[in-house]
Amino acid sequence: MTTPDKPVVSSGVRSLERGLQILSCFCEEHRSLTLTQIAERTELSTSTVERLLKTMTESGYLEKNSQKKYTLGRKMHQFMDLMSRQG
């Protein structure tokens, strides 16, 4: 199991660092993850992850499917599309 890198800088905004940790959980091998899997990979409490996931889902960065798994959302796909065109 791969775990996302721990934030190197602690002078930033903690919730943003945690949100980026969550995004780092998703990769080719792990395109969809449960709340518990994300909490384990980030080493954050499930209640903290749940709050962050709610915000990230409502903002369009993640989506929650019918199996209660999270995947990258519309806004992340827009970023990836933009990056591939800049490449």
Protein backbone atom coordinates (compact mmCIF):
# COMPACT_ATOMS: atom_id res chain seq x y z
CA MET A 1 0.00 0.00 0.00
CA THR A 2 1.34 3.38 -0.92
CA THR A 3 0.83 6.35 1.34
CA PRO A 4 0.85 9.97 0.27
CA ASP A 5 3.86 12.04 1.16
CA LYS A 6 3.62 13.88 4.45
CA PRO A 7 3.53 17.66 4.10
CA VAL A 8 7.06 19.01 4.31
CA VAL A 9 6.13 22.54 5.31
CA SER A 10 4.12 23.10 8.47
CA SER A 11 3.77 26.85 8.02
CA GLY A 12 0.97 26.51 5.46
CA VAL A 13 -2.76 26.14 5.90
CA ARG A 14 -3.32 22.80 7.61
CA SER A 15 -6.68 22.03 6.02
CA LEU A 16 -5.24 22.68 2.55
CA GLU A 17 -2.28 20.40 3.30
CA ARG A 18 -4.70 17.70 4.42
CA GLY A 19 -6.84 18.13 1.31
CA LEU A 20 -3.76 17.74 -0.85
CA GLN A 21 -2.80 14.63 1.13
CA ILE A 22 -6.22 13.20 0.28
CA LEU A 23 -5.80 13.96 -3.43
CA SER A 24 -2.38 12.27 -3.31
CA CYS A 25 -4.06 9.02 -2.23
CA PHE A 26 -5.54 8.59 -5.70
CA CYS A 27 -3.33 6.95 -8.32
CA GLU A 28 -3.51 4.47 -11.20
CA GLU A 29 -3.85 1.53 -8.79
CA HIS A 30 -6.29 3.31 -6.48
CA ARG A 31 -8.83 5.20 -8.57
CA SER A 32 -11.59 4.82 -5.99
CA LEU A 33 -11.21 4.71 -2.22
CA THR A 34 -13.46 4.46 0.82
CA LEU A 35 -13.42 6.89 3.71
CA THR A 36 -11.58 4.30 5.82
CA GLN A 37 -8.95 3.69 3.15
CA ILE A 38 -8.29 7.41 2.81
CA ALA A 39 -8.05 7.82 6.60
CA GLU A 40 -5.55 4.94 6.78
CA ARG A 41 -3.42 6.29 3.94
CA THR A 42 -3.33 9.84 5.29
CA GLU A 43 -3.10 8.79 8.96
CA LEU A 44 -5.88 11.26 9.75
CA SER A 45 -8.92 10.50 11.88
CA THR A 46 -12.02 9.33 10.03
CA SER A 47 -13.98 12.31 11.36
CA THR A 48 -11.39 14.74 9.96
CA VAL A 49 -11.30 12.92 6.62
CA GLU A 50 -15.10 12.83 6.49
CA ARG A 51 -15.32 16.62 6.90
CA LEU A 52 -12.64 17.21 4.27
CA LEU A 53 -14.26 14.76 1.85
CA LYS A 54 -17.61 16.51 2.24
CA THR A 55 -16.05 19.86 1.31
CA MET A 56 -14.04 18.38 -1.55
CA THR A 57 -17.12 16.58 -2.91
CA GLU A 58 -19.36 19.64 -2.66
CA SER A 59 -16.65 21.65 -4.46
CA GLY A 60 -16.40 19.15 -7.32
CA TYR A 61 -12.86 17.93 -6.63
CA LEU A 62 -14.08 14.48 -5.60
CA GLU A 63 -17.20 12.41 -6.29
CA LYS A 64 -18.84 9.74 -4.14
CA ASN A 65 -20.32 6.77 -5.98
CA SER A 66 -23.14 4.40 -5.01
CA GLN A 67 -20.65 2.03 -3.33
CA LYS A 68 -19.57 4.88 -1.01
CA LYS A 69 -16.20 5.14 -2.70
CA TYR A 70 -14.59 8.42 -3.63
CA THR A 71 -13.09 9.17 -7.02
CA LEU A 72 -11.55 12.25 -8.59
CA GLY A 73 -14.26 14.71 -9.52
CA ARG A 74 -15.10 17.00 -12.40
CA LYS A 75 -12.74 19.79 -11.36
CA MET A 76 -9.76 17.44 -11.05
CA HIS A 77 -10.51 16.09 -14.53
CA GLN A 78 -10.61 19.66 -15.84
CA PHE A 79 -7.16 20.27 -14.33
CA MET A 80 -5.81 17.05 -15.83
CA ASP A 81 -7.22 17.98 -19.24
CA LEU A 82 -5.62 21.42 -19.03
CA MET A 83 -2.26 19.92 -18.03
CA SER A 84 -2.32 17.41 -20.88
CA ARG A 85 -2.93 20.21 -23.40
CA GLN A 86 -0.04 22.26 -21.99
CA GLY A 87 2.30 19.28 -22.07
